[in-house]
């Protein structure tokens, strides 16, 4: 494999790992703070 391509692939993998951990961290903060509970009764249902 070309060393330049290998370096790009490794950088992409590292960035992906950090992005996933960031999303998990933010999700945990939202869950712990209760901010995700904006709709207590769920989505509105339209009568047909």
PDB file of N, CA and C in Angstrom:
ATOM      1  N   UNK A   1       0.852  -1.170   0.000  1.00  0.00           N
ATOM      2  CA  UNK A   1       0.000   0.000   0.000  1.00  0.00           C
ATOM      3  C   UNK A   1       0.904   1.241   0.000  1.00  0.00           C
ATOM      4  N   UNK A   2       0.469   2.242  -0.695  1.00  0.00           N
ATOM      5  CA  UNK A   2       1.188   3.504  -0.761  1.00  0.00           C
ATOM      6  C   UNK A   2       1.247   4.135   0.640  1.00  0.00           C
ATOM      7  N   UNK A   3       2.435   4.593   1.087  1.00  0.00           N
ATOM      8  CA  UNK A   3       2.531   5.175   2.438  1.00  0.00           C
ATOM      9  C   UNK A   3       1.621   6.380   2.641  1.00  0.00           C
ATOM     10  N   UNK A   4       1.406   7.177   1.598  1.00  0.00           N
ATOM     11  CA  UNK A   4       0.517   8.334   1.722  1.00  0.00           C
ATOM     12  C   UNK A   4      -0.925   7.888   1.959  1.00  0.00           C
ATOM     13  N   UNK A   5      -1.342   6.858   1.254  1.00  0.00           N
ATOM     14  CA  UNK A   5      -2.702   6.336   1.434  1.00  0.00           C
ATOM     15  C   UNK A   5      -2.851   5.717   2.830  1.00  0.00           C
ATOM     16  N   UNK A   6      -1.829   5.003   3.292  1.00  0.00           N
ATOM     17  CA  UNK A   6      -1.878   4.398   4.622  1.00  0.00           C
ATOM     18  C   UNK A   6      -1.976   5.477   5.698  1.00  0.00           C
ATOM     19  N   UNK A   7      -1.236   6.576   5.532  1.00  0.00           N
ATOM     20  CA  UNK A   7      -1.285   7.660   6.510  1.00  0.00           C
ATOM     21  C   UNK A   7      -2.661   8.319   6.526  1.00  0.00           C
ATOM     22  N   UNK A   8      -3.243   8.515   5.341  1.00  0.00           N
ATOM     23  CA  UNK A   8      -4.591   9.100   5.266  1.00  0.00           C
ATOM     24  C   UNK A   8      -5.624   8.176   5.911  1.00  0.00           C
ATOM     25  N   UNK A   9      -5.490   6.878   5.651  1.00  0.00           N
ATOM     26  CA  UNK A   9      -6.428   5.908   6.208  1.00  0.00           C
ATOM     27  C   UNK A   9      -6.328   5.882   7.731  1.00  0.00           C
ATOM     28  N   UNK A  10      -5.111   5.929   8.249  1.00  0.00           N
ATOM     29  CA  UNK A  10      -4.914   5.938   9.704  1.00  0.00           C
ATOM     30  C   UNK A  10      -5.498   7.209  10.308  1.00  0.00           C
ATOM     31  N   UNK A  11      -5.302   8.338   9.638  1.00  0.00           N
ATOM     32  CA  UNK A  11      -5.852   9.607  10.127  1.00  0.00           C
ATOM     33  C   UNK A  11      -7.377   9.573  10.123  1.00  0.00           C
ATOM     34  N   UNK A  12      -7.960   9.018   9.075  1.00  0.00           N
ATOM     35  CA  UNK A  12      -9.418   8.895   8.999  1.00  0.00           C
ATOM     36  C   UNK A  12      -9.942   7.990  10.108  1.00  0.00           C
ATOM     37  N   UNK A  13      -9.261   6.896  10.371  1.00  0.00           N
ATOM     38  CA  UNK A  13      -9.670   5.994  11.447  1.00  0.00           C
ATOM     39  C   UNK A  13      -9.603   6.657  12.807  1.00  0.00           C
ATOM     40  N   UNK A  14      -8.529   7.402  13.056  1.00  0.00           N
ATOM     41  CA  UNK A  14      -8.383   8.107  14.327  1.00  0.00           C
ATOM     42  C   UNK A  14      -9.468   9.163  14.486  1.00  0.00           C
ATOM     43  N   UNK A  15      -9.720   9.918  13.440  1.00  0.00           N
ATOM     44  CA  UNK A  15     -10.767  10.935  13.488  1.00  0.00           C
ATOM     45  C   UNK A  15     -12.135  10.303  13.732  1.00  0.00           C
ATOM     46  N   UNK A  16     -12.389   9.170  13.118  1.00  0.00           N
ATOM     47  CA  UNK A  16     -13.664   8.475  13.299  1.00  0.00           C
ATOM     48  C   UNK A  16     -13.833   8.013  14.744  1.00  0.00           C
ATOM     49  N   UNK A  17     -12.777   7.485  15.325  1.00  0.00           N
ATOM     50  CA  UNK A  17     -12.844   7.031  16.720  1.00  0.00           C
ATOM     51  C   UNK A  17     -13.153   8.200  17.654  1.00  0.00           C
ATOM     52  N   UNK A  18     -12.458   9.325  17.460  1.00  0.00           N
ATOM     53  CA  UNK A  18     -12.722  10.497  18.302  1.00  0.00           C
ATOM     54  C   UNK A  18     -14.139  11.020  18.099  1.00  0.00           C
ATOM     55  N   UNK A  19     -14.629  10.997  16.864  1.00  0.00           N
ATOM     56  CA  UNK A  19     -15.981  11.478  16.592  1.00  0.00           C
ATOM     57  C   UNK A  19     -17.019  10.595  17.288  1.00  0.00           C
ATOM     58  N   UNK A  20     -16.822   9.294  17.261  1.00  0.00           N
ATOM     59  CA  UNK A  20     -17.760   8.375  17.912  1.00  0.00           C
ATOM     60  C   UNK A  20     -17.763   8.603  19.424  1.00  0.00           C
ATOM     61  N   UNK A  21     -16.587   8.738  20.022  1.00  0.00           N
ATOM     62  CA  UNK A  21     -16.527   9.002  21.463  1.00  0.00           C
ATOM     63  C   UNK A  21     -17.164  10.344  21.804  1.00  0.00           C
ATOM     64  N   UNK A  22     -16.997  11.342  20.943  1.00  0.00           N
ATOM     65  CA  UNK A  22     -17.614  12.646  21.182  1.00  0.00           C
ATOM     66  C   UNK A  22     -19.131  12.533  21.156  1.00  0.00           C
ATOM     67  N   UNK A  23     -19.675  11.795  20.193  1.00  0.00           N
ATOM     68  CA  UNK A  23     -21.130  11.619  20.108  1.00  0.00           C
ATOM     69  C   UNK A  23     -21.653  10.879  21.333  1.00  0.00           C
ATOM     70  N   UNK A  24     -20.927   9.864  21.780  1.00  0.00           N
ATOM     71  CA  UNK A  24     -21.335   9.126  22.981  1.00  0.00           C
ATOM     72  C   UNK A  24     -21.290  10.036  24.202  1.00  0.00           C
ATOM     73  N   UNK A  25     -20.249  10.861  24.320  1.00  0.00           N
ATOM     74  CA  UNK A  25     -20.128  11.783  25.442  1.00  0.00           C
ATOM     75  C   UNK A  25     -21.268  12.795  25.448  1.00  0.00           C
ATOM     76  N   UNK A  26     -21.557  13.394  24.312  1.00  0.00           N
ATOM     77  CA  UNK A  26     -22.645  14.366  24.231  1.00  0.00           C
ATOM     78  C   UNK A  26     -23.987  13.691  24.522  1.00  0.00           C
ATOM     79  N   UNK A  27     -24.184  12.488  24.034  1.00  0.00           N
ATOM     80  CA  UNK A  27     -25.412  11.755  24.328  1.00  0.00           C
ATOM     81  C   UNK A  27     -25.572  11.476  25.810  1.00  0.00           C
ATOM     82  N   UNK A  28     -24.464  11.157  26.478  1.00  0.00           N
ATOM     83  CA  UNK A  28     -24.508  10.940  27.919  1.00  0.00           C
ATOM     84  C   UNK A  28     -24.848  12.207  28.673  1.00  0.00           C
ATOM     85  N   UNK A  29     -24.306  13.335  28.214  1.00  0.00           N
ATOM     86  CA  UNK A  29     -24.614  14.615  28.862  1.00  0.00           C
ATOM     87  C   UNK A  29     -26.088  14.958  28.679  1.00  0.00           C
ATOM     88  N   UNK A  30     -26.602  14.750  27.480  1.00  0.00           N
ATOM     89  CA  UNK A  30     -28.020  15.025  27.216  1.00  0.00           C
ATOM     90  C   UNK A  30     -28.900  14.114  28.063  1.00  0.00           C
ATOM     91  N   UNK A  31     -28.521  12.863  28.156  1.00  0.00           N
ATOM     92  CA  UNK A  31     -29.301  11.904  28.944  1.00  0.00           C
ATOM     93  C   UNK A  31     -29.277  12.266  30.425  1.00  0.00           C
ATOM     94  N   UNK A  32     -28.109  12.613  30.933  1.00  0.00           N
ATOM     95  CA  UNK A  32     -27.977  12.928  32.357  1.00  0.00           C
ATOM     96  C   UNK A  32     -28.686  14.230  32.725  1.00  0.00           C
ATOM     97  N   UNK A  33     -28.700  15.181  31.809  1.00  0.00           N
ATOM     98  CA  UNK A  33     -29.324  16.470  32.113  1.00  0.00           C
ATOM     99  C   UNK A  33     -30.833  16.457  31.874  1.00  0.00           C
ATOM    100  N   UNK A  34     -31.328  15.433  31.195  1.00  0.00           N
ATOM    101  CA  UNK A  34     -32.759  15.343  30.925  1.00  0.00           C
ATOM    102  C   UNK A  34     -33.204  16.194  29.756  1.00  0.00           C
ATOM    103  N   UNK A  35     -32.254  16.761  29.020  1.00  0.00           N
ATOM    104  CA  UNK A  35     -32.602  17.633  27.899  1.00  0.00           C
ATOM    105  C   UNK A  35     -33.256  16.861  26.754  1.00  0.00           C
ATOM    106  N   UNK A  36     -33.075  15.574  26.706  1.00  0.00           N
ATOM    107  CA  UNK A  36     -33.675  14.775  25.648  1.00  0.00           C
ATOM    108  C   UNK A  36     -35.139  14.464  25.885  1.00  0.00           C
ATOM    109  N   UNK A  37     -35.654  14.874  27.021  1.00  0.00           N
ATOM    110  CA  UNK A  37     -37.043  14.592  27.371  1.00  0.00           C
ATOM    111  C   UNK A  37     -37.944  15.776  27.036  1.00  0.00           C
ATOM    112  N   UNK A  38     -37.708  16.429  25.908  1.00  0.00           N
ATOM    113  CA  UNK A  38     -38.487  17.598  25.513  1.00  0.00           C
ATOM    114  C   UNK A  38     -39.943  17.274  25.238  1.00  0.00           C
ATOM    115  N   UNK A  39     -40.221  16.125  24.657  1.00  0.00           N
ATOM    116  CA  UNK A  39     -41.597  15.706  24.356  1.00  0.00           C
ATOM    117  C   UNK A  39     -41.977  14.617  25.344  1.00  0.00           C
ATOM    118  N   UNK A  40     -42.652  15.000  26.389  1.00  0.00           N
ATOM    119  CA  UNK A  40     -42.978  14.025  27.438  1.00  0.00           C
ATOM    120  C   UNK A  40     -44.054  13.039  26.986  1.00  0.00           C
ATOM    121  N   UNK A  41     -44.992  13.480  26.162  1.00  0.00           N
ATOM    122  CA  UNK A  41     -46.061  12.577  25.760  1.00  0.00           C
ATOM    123  C   UNK A  41     -45.799  11.958  24.387  1.00  0.00           C
ATOM    124  N   UNK A  42     -44.662  12.180  23.833  1.00  0.00           N
ATOM    125  CA  UNK A  42     -44.354  11.633  22.513  1.00  0.00           C
ATOM    126  C   UNK A  42     -44.773  12.588  21.412  1.00  0.00           C
ATOM    127  N   UNK A  43     -44.655  12.134  20.198  1.00  0.00           N
ATOM    128  CA  UNK A  43     -45.026  12.965  19.053  1.00  0.00           C
ATOM    129  C   UNK A  43     -46.534  13.101  18.970  1.00  0.00           C
ATOM    130  N   UNK A  44     -47.024  14.246  18.514  1.00  0.00           N
ATOM    131  CA  UNK A  44     -48.482  14.396  18.367  1.00  0.00           C
ATOM    132  C   UNK A  44     -49.032  13.441  17.308  1.00  0.00           C
ATOM    133  N   UNK A  45     -50.180  12.878  17.590  1.00  0.00           N
ATOM    134  CA  UNK A  45     -50.819  11.923  16.676  1.00  0.00           C
ATOM    135  C   UNK A  45     -52.042  12.612  16.070  1.00  0.00           C
ATOM    136  N   UNK A  46     -52.122  12.613  14.759  1.00  0.00           N
ATOM    137  CA  UNK A  46     -53.261  13.218  14.083  1.00  0.00           C
ATOM    138  C   UNK A  46     -54.388  12.205  13.962  1.00  0.00           C
ATOM    139  N   UNK A  47     -55.595  12.627  14.252  1.00  0.00           N
ATOM    140  CA  UNK A  47     -56.754  11.728  14.110  1.00  0.00           C
ATOM    141  C   UNK A  47     -57.099  11.622  12.637  1.00  0.00           C
ATOM    142  N   UNK A  48     -57.350  10.388  12.200  1.00  0.00           N
ATOM    143  CA  UNK A  48     -57.701  10.168  10.787  1.00  0.00           C
ATOM    144  C   UNK A  48     -59.179  10.198  10.590  1.00  0.00           C
TER     145      UNK A  48
END
